[in-house]
């Protein structure tokens, strides 16, 4: 996993053959996003604001699957839905 300089994201990993981007959030949650083009993943790894790039260019644009639950600031498990897709 490649570390990211972000207040919301810990790191990312990209599989170019499967076109799957995996992102770890600071709360420990791990999500995968399928169908992500290599240029999008490359730009995210190099941008000065990966959190903003994620929200603007990835979130809600690609099929999302939760792999690992995160915790809230109080230490409780997150209750977000497990998958989502918006066109």
PDB file of N, CA and C in Angstrom:
ATOM      1  N   UNK A   1       0.855  -1.174   0.000  1.00  0.00           N
ATOM      2  CA  UNK A   1       0.000   0.000   0.000  1.00  0.00           C
ATOM      3  C   UNK A   1       0.898   1.233   0.000  1.00  0.00           C
ATOM      4  N   UNK A   2       0.605   2.154  -0.870  1.00  0.00           N
ATOM      5  CA  UNK A   2       1.369   3.410  -0.975  1.00  0.00           C
ATOM      6  C   UNK A   2       0.768   4.443  -0.021  1.00  0.00           C
ATOM      7  N   UNK A   3       1.597   5.037   0.828  1.00  0.00           N
ATOM      8  CA  UNK A   3       1.137   6.046   1.783  1.00  0.00           C
ATOM      9  C   UNK A   3       0.722   7.319   1.045  1.00  0.00           C
ATOM     10  N   UNK A   4      -0.295   7.990   1.578  1.00  0.00           N
ATOM     11  CA  UNK A   4      -0.773   9.257   1.025  1.00  0.00           C
ATOM     12  C   UNK A   4      -0.686  10.342   2.083  1.00  0.00           C
ATOM     13  N   UNK A   5      -0.378  11.553   1.655  1.00  0.00           N
ATOM     14  CA  UNK A   5      -0.353  12.711   2.547  1.00  0.00           C
ATOM     15  C   UNK A   5      -1.745  13.332   2.537  1.00  0.00           C
ATOM     16  N   UNK A   6      -2.588  12.898   3.467  1.00  0.00           N
ATOM     17  CA  UNK A   6      -3.975  13.336   3.491  1.00  0.00           C
ATOM     18  C   UNK A   6      -4.519  13.239   4.912  1.00  0.00           C
ATOM     19  N   UNK A   7      -5.451  14.119   5.239  1.00  0.00           N
ATOM     20  CA  UNK A   7      -6.077  14.051   6.557  1.00  0.00           C
ATOM     21  C   UNK A   7      -7.202  13.020   6.601  1.00  0.00           C
ATOM     22  N   UNK A   8      -7.616  12.500   5.441  1.00  0.00           N
ATOM     23  CA  UNK A   8      -8.712  11.527   5.386  1.00  0.00           C
ATOM     24  C   UNK A   8      -8.288  10.153   4.871  1.00  0.00           C
ATOM     25  N   UNK A   9      -7.191  10.098   4.119  1.00  0.00           N
ATOM     26  CA  UNK A   9      -6.756   8.851   3.490  1.00  0.00           C
ATOM     27  C   UNK A   9      -5.373   8.454   3.985  1.00  0.00           C
ATOM     28  N   UNK A  10      -5.216   7.166   4.333  1.00  0.00           N
ATOM     29  CA  UNK A  10      -3.905   6.661   4.757  1.00  0.00           C
ATOM     30  C   UNK A  10      -3.070   6.194   3.585  1.00  0.00           C
ATOM     31  N   UNK A  11      -3.705   5.482   2.649  1.00  0.00           N
ATOM     32  CA  UNK A  11      -2.931   4.926   1.565  1.00  0.00           C
ATOM     33  C   UNK A  11      -3.801   4.384   0.454  1.00  0.00           C
ATOM     34  N   UNK A  12      -3.123   3.972  -0.636  1.00  0.00           N
ATOM     35  CA  UNK A  12      -3.815   3.422  -1.793  1.00  0.00           C
ATOM     36  C   UNK A  12      -2.965   2.345  -2.440  1.00  0.00           C
ATOM     37  N   UNK A  13      -3.657   1.470  -3.160  1.00  0.00           N
ATOM     38  CA  UNK A  13      -2.999   0.427  -3.933  1.00  0.00           C
ATOM     39  C   UNK A  13      -3.806   0.274  -5.216  1.00  0.00           C
ATOM     40  N   UNK A  14      -3.132   0.102  -6.340  1.00  0.00           N
ATOM     41  CA  UNK A  14      -3.834  -0.001  -7.613  1.00  0.00           C
ATOM     42  C   UNK A  14      -3.385  -1.242  -8.365  1.00  0.00           C
ATOM     43  N   UNK A  15      -4.351  -2.004  -8.869  1.00  0.00           N
ATOM     44  CA  UNK A  15      -4.083  -3.173  -9.708  1.00  0.00           C
ATOM     45  C   UNK A  15      -4.475  -2.798 -11.131  1.00  0.00           C
ATOM     46  N   UNK A  16      -3.495  -2.489 -11.998  1.00  0.00           N
ATOM     47  CA  UNK A  16      -3.825  -2.033 -13.348  1.00  0.00           C
ATOM     48  C   UNK A  16      -4.474  -3.109 -14.215  1.00  0.00           C
ATOM     49  N   UNK A  17      -4.163  -4.375 -13.976  1.00  0.00           N
ATOM     50  CA  UNK A  17      -4.773  -5.449 -14.764  1.00  0.00           C
ATOM     51  C   UNK A  17      -6.267  -5.566 -14.467  1.00  0.00           C
ATOM     52  N   UNK A  18      -6.635  -5.474 -13.196  1.00  0.00           N
ATOM     53  CA  UNK A  18      -8.034  -5.565 -12.795  1.00  0.00           C
ATOM     54  C   UNK A  18      -8.727  -4.205 -12.795  1.00  0.00           C
ATOM     55  N   UNK A  19      -7.936  -3.123 -12.898  1.00  0.00           N
ATOM     56  CA  UNK A  19      -8.440  -1.749 -12.821  1.00  0.00           C
ATOM     57  C   UNK A  19      -9.198  -1.508 -11.509  1.00  0.00           C
ATOM     58  N   UNK A  20      -8.583  -1.979 -10.416  1.00  0.00           N
ATOM     59  CA  UNK A  20      -9.171  -1.838  -9.081  1.00  0.00           C
ATOM     60  C   UNK A  20      -8.251  -0.982  -8.222  1.00  0.00           C
ATOM     61  N   UNK A  21      -8.835   0.065  -7.661  1.00  0.00           N
ATOM     62  CA  UNK A  21      -8.145   0.955  -6.739  1.00  0.00           C
ATOM     63  C   UNK A  21      -8.620   0.640  -5.330  1.00  0.00           C
ATOM     64  N   UNK A  22      -7.695   0.367  -4.429  1.00  0.00           N
ATOM     65  CA  UNK A  22      -8.028   0.098  -3.033  1.00  0.00           C
ATOM     66  C   UNK A  22      -7.520   1.270  -2.208  1.00  0.00           C
ATOM     67  N   UNK A  23      -8.403   1.790  -1.365  1.00  0.00           N
ATOM     68  CA  UNK A  23      -8.063   2.954  -0.547  1.00  0.00           C
ATOM     69  C   UNK A  23      -8.296   2.633   0.916  1.00  0.00           C
ATOM     70  N   UNK A  24      -7.318   2.991   1.754  1.00  0.00           N
ATOM     71  CA  UNK A  24      -7.469   2.865   3.197  1.00  0.00           C
ATOM     72  C   UNK A  24      -7.665   4.257   3.775  1.00  0.00           C
ATOM     73  N   UNK A  25      -8.728   4.412   4.545  1.00  0.00           N
ATOM     74  CA  UNK A  25      -9.047   5.676   5.187  1.00  0.00           C
ATOM     75  C   UNK A  25      -8.383   5.744   6.557  1.00  0.00           C
ATOM     76  N   UNK A  26      -8.275   6.936   7.116  1.00  0.00           N
ATOM     77  CA  UNK A  26      -7.590   7.096   8.398  1.00  0.00           C
ATOM     78  C   UNK A  26      -8.299   6.360   9.525  1.00  0.00           C
ATOM     79  N   UNK A  27      -9.600   6.099   9.383  1.00  0.00           N
ATOM     80  CA  UNK A  27     -10.330   5.365  10.422  1.00  0.00           C
ATOM     81  C   UNK A  27     -10.127   3.855  10.305  1.00  0.00           C
ATOM     82  N   UNK A  28      -9.304   3.425   9.332  1.00  0.00           N
ATOM     83  CA  UNK A  28      -9.018   2.011   9.161  1.00  0.00           C
ATOM     84  C   UNK A  28      -9.884   1.321   8.122  1.00  0.00           C
ATOM     85  N   UNK A  29     -10.939   1.979   7.675  1.00  0.00           N
ATOM     86  CA  UNK A  29     -11.809   1.375   6.663  1.00  0.00           C
ATOM     87  C   UNK A  29     -11.033   1.179   5.372  1.00  0.00           C
ATOM     88  N   UNK A  30     -11.352   0.102   4.677  1.00  0.00           N
ATOM     89  CA  UNK A  30     -10.695  -0.237   3.426  1.00  0.00           C
ATOM     90  C   UNK A  30     -11.778  -0.460   2.377  1.00  0.00           C
ATOM     91  N   UNK A  31     -11.679   0.275   1.274  1.00  0.00           N
ATOM     92  CA  UNK A  31     -12.651   0.178   0.184  1.00  0.00           C
ATOM     93  C   UNK A  31     -11.926  -0.092  -1.121  1.00  0.00           C
ATOM     94  N   UNK A  32     -12.611  -0.817  -2.018  1.00  0.00           N
ATOM     95  CA  UNK A  32     -12.082  -0.985  -3.371  1.00  0.00           C
ATOM     96  C   UNK A  32     -13.039  -0.309  -4.343  1.00  0.00           C
ATOM     97  N   UNK A  33     -12.477   0.219  -5.413  1.00  0.00           N
ATOM     98  CA  UNK A  33     -13.228   0.913  -6.463  1.00  0.00           C
ATOM     99  C   UNK A  33     -12.851   0.256  -7.783  1.00  0.00           C
ATOM    100  N   UNK A  34     -13.836  -0.310  -8.474  1.00  0.00           N
ATOM    101  CA  UNK A  34     -13.540  -1.042  -9.702  1.00  0.00           C
ATOM    102  C   UNK A  34     -13.814  -0.202 -10.945  1.00  0.00           C
ATOM    103  N   UNK A  35     -13.062  -0.527 -12.005  1.00  0.00           N
ATOM    104  CA  UNK A  35     -13.200   0.183 -13.266  1.00  0.00           C
ATOM    105  C   UNK A  35     -12.425   1.481 -13.335  1.00  0.00           C
ATOM    106  N   UNK A  36     -11.511   1.690 -12.401  1.00  0.00           N
ATOM    107  CA  UNK A  36     -10.747   2.939 -12.337  1.00  0.00           C
ATOM    108  C   UNK A  36      -9.614   2.894 -13.372  1.00  0.00           C
ATOM    109  N   UNK A  37      -9.583   3.865 -14.296  1.00  0.00           N
ATOM    110  CA  UNK A  37      -8.511   3.900 -15.289  1.00  0.00           C
ATOM    111  C   UNK A  37      -7.147   4.183 -14.654  1.00  0.00           C
ATOM    112  N   UNK A  38      -6.082   3.679 -15.250  1.00  0.00           N
ATOM    113  CA  UNK A  38      -4.739   3.912 -14.704  1.00  0.00           C
ATOM    114  C   UNK A  38      -4.406   5.394 -14.544  1.00  0.00           C
ATOM    115  N   UNK A  39      -4.861   6.232 -15.455  1.00  0.00           N
ATOM    116  CA  UNK A  39      -4.539   7.664 -15.355  1.00  0.00           C
ATOM    117  C   UNK A  39      -5.154   8.293 -14.109  1.00  0.00           C
ATOM    118  N   UNK A  40      -6.336   7.834 -13.720  1.00  0.00           N
ATOM    119  CA  UNK A  40      -6.986   8.360 -12.514  1.00  0.00           C
ATOM    120  C   UNK A  40      -6.191   7.944 -11.275  1.00  0.00           C
ATOM    121  N   UNK A  41      -5.795   6.673 -11.207  1.00  0.00           N
ATOM    122  CA  UNK A  41      -5.018   6.187 -10.065  1.00  0.00           C
ATOM    123  C   UNK A  41      -3.654   6.873  -9.995  1.00  0.00           C
ATOM    124  N   UNK A  42      -2.998   7.037 -11.140  1.00  0.00           N
ATOM    125  CA  UNK A  42      -1.693   7.701 -11.171  1.00  0.00           C
ATOM    126  C   UNK A  42      -1.801   9.151 -10.689  1.00  0.00           C
ATOM    127  N   UNK A  43      -2.815   9.852 -11.173  1.00  0.00           N
ATOM    128  CA  UNK A  43      -2.990  11.248 -10.771  1.00  0.00           C
ATOM    129  C   UNK A  43      -3.255  11.345  -9.276  1.00  0.00           C
ATOM    130  N   UNK A  44      -4.075  10.436  -8.746  1.00  0.00           N
ATOM    131  CA  UNK A  44      -4.369  10.476  -7.306  1.00  0.00           C
ATOM    132  C   UNK A  44      -3.099  10.266  -6.488  1.00  0.00           C
ATOM    133  N   UNK A  45      -2.238   9.376  -6.942  1.00  0.00           N
ATOM    134  CA  UNK A  45      -1.013   9.091  -6.177  1.00  0.00           C
ATOM    135  C   UNK A  45      -0.019  10.243  -6.223  1.00  0.00           C
ATOM    136  N   UNK A  46      -0.172  11.155  -7.188  1.00  0.00           N
ATOM    137  CA  UNK A  46       0.790  12.240  -7.355  1.00  0.00           C
ATOM    138  C   UNK A  46       0.252  13.622  -6.988  1.00  0.00           C
ATOM    139  N   UNK A  47      -1.046  13.723  -6.747  1.00  0.00           N
ATOM    140  CA  UNK A  47      -1.623  15.039  -6.471  1.00  0.00           C
ATOM    141  C   UNK A  47      -1.237  15.532  -5.074  1.00  0.00           C
ATOM    142  N   UNK A  48      -1.256  16.838  -4.901  1.00  0.00           N
ATOM    143  CA  UNK A  48      -0.917  17.410  -3.591  1.00  0.00           C
ATOM    144  C   UNK A  48      -2.069  17.268  -2.593  1.00  0.00           C
ATOM    145  N   UNK A  49      -3.269  16.969  -3.090  1.00  0.00           N
ATOM    146  CA  UNK A  49      -4.428  16.800  -2.214  1.00  0.00           C
ATOM    147  C   UNK A  49      -5.212  15.545  -2.602  1.00  0.00           C
ATOM    148  N   UNK A  50      -4.712  14.355  -2.197  1.00  0.00           N
ATOM    149  CA  UNK A  50      -5.384  13.122  -2.591  1.00  0.00           C
ATOM    150  C   UNK A  50      -6.808  12.996  -2.064  1.00  0.00           C
ATOM    151  N   UNK A  51      -7.097  13.553  -0.895  1.00  0.00           N
ATOM    152  CA  UNK A  51      -8.459  13.487  -0.356  1.00  0.00           C
ATOM    153  C   UNK A  51      -9.442  14.245  -1.228  1.00  0.00           C
ATOM    154  N   UNK A  52      -9.064  15.446  -1.641  1.00  0.00           N
ATOM    155  CA  UNK A  52      -9.924  16.238  -2.520  1.00  0.00           C
ATOM    156  C   UNK A  52     -10.078  15.566  -3.876  1.00  0.00           C
ATOM    157  N   UNK A  53      -8.987  15.034  -4.401  1.00  0.00           N
ATOM    158  CA  UNK A  53      -9.040  14.345  -5.688  1.00  0.00           C
ATOM    159  C   UNK A  53      -9.978  13.140  -5.604  1.00  0.00           C
ATOM    160  N   UNK A  54      -9.864  12.384  -4.517  1.00  0.00           N
ATOM    161  CA  UNK A  54     -10.740  11.228  -4.307  1.00  0.00           C
ATOM    162  C   UNK A  54     -12.212  11.661  -4.339  1.00  0.00           C
ATOM    163  N   UNK A  55     -12.550  12.697  -3.581  1.00  0.00           N
ATOM    164  CA  UNK A  55     -13.949  13.149  -3.519  1.00  0.00           C
ATOM    165  C   UNK A  55     -14.439  13.711  -4.847  1.00  0.00           C
ATOM    166  N   UNK A  56     -13.567  14.364  -5.589  1.00  0.00           N
ATOM    167  CA  UNK A  56     -13.963  14.979  -6.868  1.00  0.00           C
ATOM    168  C   UNK A  56     -13.995  14.007  -8.035  1.00  0.00           C
ATOM    169  N   UNK A  57     -13.096  13.037  -8.063  1.00  0.00           N
ATOM    170  CA  UNK A  57     -12.918  12.215  -9.261  1.00  0.00           C
ATOM    171  C   UNK A  57     -13.217  10.723  -9.102  1.00  0.00           C
ATOM    172  N   UNK A  58     -13.321  10.238  -7.862  1.00  0.00           N
ATOM    173  CA  UNK A  58     -13.489   8.792  -7.665  1.00  0.00           C
ATOM    174  C   UNK A  58     -14.782   8.450  -6.926  1.00  0.00           C
ATOM    175  N   UNK A  59     -14.989   9.047  -5.771  1.00  0.00           N
ATOM    176  CA  UNK A  59     -16.160   8.728  -4.958  1.00  0.00           C
ATOM    177  C   UNK A  59     -17.437   8.989  -5.742  1.00  0.00           C
ATOM    178  N   UNK A  60     -18.295   7.987  -5.811  1.00  0.00           N
ATOM    179  CA  UNK A  60     -19.560   8.109  -6.506  1.00  0.00           C
ATOM    180  C   UNK A  60     -19.484   7.899  -8.003  1.00  0.00           C
ATOM    181  N   UNK A  61     -18.283   7.729  -8.546  1.00  0.00           N
ATOM    182  CA  UNK A  61     -18.123   7.534  -9.998  1.00  0.00           C
ATOM    183  C   UNK A  61     -17.799   6.088 -10.364  1.00  0.00           C
ATOM    184  N   UNK A  62     -17.326   5.327  -9.395  1.00  0.00           N
ATOM    185  CA  UNK A  62     -16.934   3.944  -9.651  1.00  0.00           C
ATOM    186  C   UNK A  62     -17.608   3.036  -8.625  1.00  0.00           C
ATOM    187  N   UNK A  63     -17.803   1.773  -9.002  1.00  0.00           N
ATOM    188  CA  UNK A  63     -18.403   0.802  -8.088  1.00  0.00           C
ATOM    189  C   UNK A  63     -17.526   0.678  -6.842  1.00  0.00           C
ATOM    190  N   UNK A  64     -18.150   0.797  -5.688  1.00  0.00           N
ATOM    191  CA  UNK A  64     -17.448   0.816  -4.400  1.00  0.00           C
ATOM    192  C   UNK A  64     -17.820  -0.411  -3.584  1.00  0.00           C
ATOM    193  N   UNK A  65     -16.814  -1.066  -3.017  1.00  0.00           N
ATOM    194  CA  UNK A  65     -17.051  -2.210  -2.136  1.00  0.00           C
ATOM    195  C   UNK A  65     -16.260  -2.019  -0.858  1.00  0.00           C
ATOM    196  N   UNK A  66     -16.946  -2.126   0.280  1.00  0.00           N
ATOM    197  CA  UNK A  66     -16.251  -2.038   1.572  1.00  0.00           C
ATOM    198  C   UNK A  66     -15.588  -3.375   1.859  1.00  0.00           C
ATOM    199  N   UNK A  67     -14.293  -3.340   2.111  1.00  0.00           N
ATOM    200  CA  UNK A  67     -13.545  -4.554   2.429  1.00  0.00           C
ATOM    201  C   UNK A  67     -13.357  -4.727   3.922  1.00  0.00           C
ATOM    202  N   UNK A  68     -13.152  -3.618   4.631  1.00  0.00           N
ATOM    203  CA  UNK A  68     -12.928  -3.635   6.076  1.00  0.00           C
ATOM    204  C   UNK A  68     -13.646  -2.443   6.688  1.00  0.00           C
ATOM    205  N   UNK A  69     -14.366  -2.682   7.791  1.00  0.00           N
ATOM    206  CA  UNK A  69     -15.022  -1.586   8.510  1.00  0.00           C
ATOM    207  C   UNK A  69     -13.985  -0.685   9.155  1.00  0.00           C
ATOM    208  N   UNK A  70     -14.331   0.576   9.271  1.00  0.00           N
ATOM    209  CA  UNK A  70     -13.501   1.517  10.012  1.00  0.00           C
ATOM    210  C   UNK A  70     -14.101   1.743  11.382  1.00  0.00           C
ATOM    211  N   UNK A  71     -13.472   2.602  12.152  1.00  0.00           N
ATOM    212  CA  UNK A  71     -14.006   2.979  13.451  1.00  0.00           C
ATOM    213  C   UNK A  71     -14.291   4.468  13.448  1.00  0.00           C
ATOM    214  N   UNK A  72     -15.240   4.874  14.254  1.00  0.00           N
ATOM    215  CA  UNK A  72     -15.540   6.293  14.398  1.00  0.00           C
ATOM    216  C   UNK A  72     -14.567   6.884  15.399  1.00  0.00           C
ATOM    217  N   UNK A  73     -14.604   8.176  15.582  1.00  0.00           N
ATOM    218  CA  UNK A  73     -13.694   8.822  16.545  1.00  0.00           C
ATOM    219  C   UNK A  73     -13.892   8.307  17.959  1.00  0.00           C
ATOM    220  N   UNK A  74     -15.106   7.813  18.244  1.00  0.00           N
ATOM    221  CA  UNK A  74     -15.371   7.287  19.581  1.00  0.00           C
ATOM    222  C   UNK A  74     -14.878   5.850  19.733  1.00  0.00           C
ATOM    223  N   UNK A  75     -14.353   5.274  18.629  1.00  0.00           N
ATOM    224  CA  UNK A  75     -13.839   3.914  18.695  1.00  0.00           C
ATOM    225  C   UNK A  75     -14.850   2.860  18.301  1.00  0.00           C
ATOM    226  N   UNK A  76     -16.082   3.274  17.956  1.00  0.00           N
ATOM    227  CA  UNK A  76     -17.101   2.312  17.535  1.00  0.00           C
ATOM    228  C   UNK A  76     -16.954   2.019  16.050  1.00  0.00           C
ATOM    229  N   UNK A  77     -17.462   0.845  15.643  1.00  0.00           N
ATOM    230  CA  UNK A  77     -17.405   0.466  14.234  1.00  0.00           C
ATOM    231  C   UNK A  77     -18.263   1.397  13.391  1.00  0.00           C
ATOM    232  N   UNK A  78     -17.778   1.679  12.193  1.00  0.00           N
ATOM    233  CA  UNK A  78     -18.536   2.460  11.229  1.00  0.00           C
ATOM    234  C   UNK A  78     -19.715   1.642  10.738  1.00  0.00           C
ATOM    235  N   UNK A  79     -20.810   2.312  10.374  1.00  0.00           N
ATOM    236  CA  UNK A  79     -22.001   1.601   9.912  1.00  0.00           C
ATOM    237  C   UNK A  79     -22.378   1.982   8.492  1.00  0.00           C
ATOM    238  N   UNK A  80     -21.440   2.499   7.700  1.00  0.00           N
ATOM    239  CA  UNK A  80     -21.733   2.851   6.312  1.00  0.00           C
ATOM    240  C   UNK A  80     -22.111   1.627   5.515  1.00  0.00           C
ATOM    241  N   UNK A  81     -22.840   1.828   4.421  1.00  0.00           N
ATOM    242  CA  UNK A  81     -23.259   0.715   3.579  1.00  0.00           C
ATOM    243  C   UNK A  81     -22.047   0.021   2.966  1.00  0.00           C
ATOM    244  N   UNK A  82     -22.247  -1.235   2.532  1.00  0.00           N
ATOM    245  CA  UNK A  82     -21.135  -2.031   2.056  1.00  0.00           C
ATOM    246  C   UNK A  82     -20.814  -1.832   0.593  1.00  0.00           C
ATOM    247  N   UNK A  83     -21.729  -1.352  -0.197  1.00  0.00           N
ATOM    248  CA  UNK A  83     -21.400  -1.066  -1.594  1.00  0.00           C
ATOM    249  C   UNK A  83     -22.322   0.011  -2.131  1.00  0.00           C
ATOM    250  N   UNK A  84     -21.829   0.683  -3.172  1.00  0.00           N
ATOM    251  CA  UNK A  84     -22.606   1.775  -3.725  1.00  0.00           C
ATOM    252  C   UNK A  84     -22.107   2.041  -5.135  1.00  0.00           C
ATOM    253  N   UNK A  85     -23.034   2.431  -5.991  1.00  0.00           N
ATOM    254  CA  UNK A  85     -22.647   2.802  -7.357  1.00  0.00           C
ATOM    255  C   UNK A  85     -23.548   3.929  -7.804  1.00  0.00           C
ATOM    256  N   UNK A  86     -22.943   4.986  -8.296  1.00  0.00           N
ATOM    257  CA  UNK A  86     -23.699   6.124  -8.812  1.00  0.00           C
ATOM    258  C   UNK A  86     -23.154   6.451 -10.190  1.00  0.00           C
ATOM    259  N   UNK A  87     -24.036   6.639 -11.142  1.00  0.00           N
ATOM    260  CA  UNK A  87     -23.584   6.960 -12.496  1.00  0.00           C
ATOM    261  C   UNK A  87     -23.330   8.414 -12.677  1.00  0.00           C
TER     262      UNK A  87
END
